[in-house]
């Protein structure tokens, strides 16, 4: 993973239009995962896969799916890989 593929939570929020609060909620639910944390600042790092996962979540929500159902779908997708 190159440097350009690493984002802070504020960058991820700007890229996807999802609020920082919501990103933290999705982390807590297990819908997305952080790639790591800074040892010095404890900032969360995210990669482009997380940005893609957030875009999928947005699309599923537009279709009217609940977060519980989205979590199931995302888990199924990860198993299929």
Protein backbone atom coordinates (compact mmCIF):
# COMPACT_ATOMS: atom_id res chain seq x y z
CA UNK A 1 0.00 0.00 0.00
CA UNK A 2 1.47 3.30 -1.08
CA UNK A 3 1.28 6.53 0.87
CA UNK A 4 -1.46 7.85 -1.42
CA UNK A 5 -3.68 4.94 -0.34
CA UNK A 6 -3.73 5.98 3.32
CA UNK A 7 -6.42 8.33 4.62
CA UNK A 8 -7.30 9.92 7.92
CA UNK A 9 -10.91 9.81 9.05
CA UNK A 10 -11.47 13.42 7.94
CA UNK A 11 -10.18 12.56 4.45
CA UNK A 12 -12.46 9.53 4.27
CA UNK A 13 -15.39 11.71 5.34
CA UNK A 14 -14.66 14.28 2.62
CA UNK A 15 -14.20 11.60 -0.06
CA UNK A 16 -17.44 9.78 0.68
CA UNK A 17 -19.71 12.44 2.16
CA UNK A 18 -20.17 10.31 5.28
CA UNK A 19 -19.79 12.20 8.55
CA UNK A 20 -16.96 11.39 10.94
CA UNK A 21 -19.53 10.47 13.58
CA UNK A 22 -21.16 7.97 11.19
CA UNK A 23 -17.78 6.50 10.19
CA UNK A 24 -17.02 5.92 13.88
CA UNK A 25 -20.44 4.29 14.29
CA UNK A 26 -19.80 1.99 11.31
CA UNK A 27 -16.44 1.06 12.86
CA UNK A 28 -18.17 0.18 16.11
CA UNK A 29 -20.75 -1.93 14.25
CA UNK A 30 -18.07 -3.78 12.29
CA UNK A 31 -19.20 -2.52 8.89
CA UNK A 32 -15.74 -1.10 8.17
CA UNK A 33 -12.28 -1.50 9.65
CA UNK A 34 -9.36 0.82 10.13
CA UNK A 35 -6.06 -0.12 8.51
CA UNK A 36 -4.05 0.95 11.53
CA UNK A 37 -3.28 3.71 13.99
CA UNK A 38 -0.50 6.18 14.44
CA UNK A 39 1.72 5.32 17.40
CA UNK A 40 2.37 9.00 18.11
CA UNK A 41 -1.08 10.53 17.66
CA UNK A 42 -3.41 7.49 17.84
CA UNK A 43 -5.09 8.72 14.62
CA UNK A 44 -6.93 6.06 12.68
CA UNK A 45 -5.72 5.20 9.19
CA UNK A 46 -7.91 3.89 6.41
CA UNK A 47 -7.15 2.52 2.95
CA UNK A 48 -8.93 2.71 -0.39
CA UNK A 49 -10.80 -0.54 0.37
CA UNK A 50 -12.50 1.18 3.29
CA UNK A 51 -13.52 4.05 1.00
CA UNK A 52 -14.99 1.51 -1.42
CA UNK A 53 -16.81 -0.24 1.43
CA UNK A 54 -18.31 3.09 2.54
CA UNK A 55 -19.52 3.73 -1.01
CA UNK A 56 -21.18 0.29 -1.02
CA UNK A 57 -22.86 1.04 2.29
CA UNK A 58 -24.21 4.31 0.88
CA UNK A 59 -25.59 2.47 -2.16
CA UNK A 60 -27.22 -0.21 0.00
CA UNK A 61 -28.79 2.46 2.23
CA UNK A 62 -30.22 4.20 -0.85
CA UNK A 63 -31.86 0.89 -1.71
CA UNK A 64 -33.52 0.98 1.70
CA UNK A 65 -31.54 -1.80 3.37
CA UNK A 66 -31.06 -1.75 7.14
CA UNK A 67 -27.57 -1.55 8.59
CA UNK A 68 -28.03 -5.06 10.01
CA UNK A 69 -28.78 -6.40 6.51
CA UNK A 70 -25.87 -4.44 5.03
CA UNK A 71 -23.57 -5.99 7.63
CA UNK A 72 -24.78 -9.46 6.61
CA UNK A 73 -24.19 -8.70 2.93
CA UNK A 74 -20.73 -7.29 3.57
CA UNK A 75 -19.76 -10.38 5.59
CA UNK A 76 -21.04 -12.64 2.80
CA UNK A 77 -19.01 -10.68 0.23
CA UNK A 78 -15.84 -11.00 2.33
CA UNK A 79 -16.36 -14.79 2.65
CA UNK A 80 -16.75 -15.12 -1.13
CA UNK A 81 -13.35 -13.52 -1.74
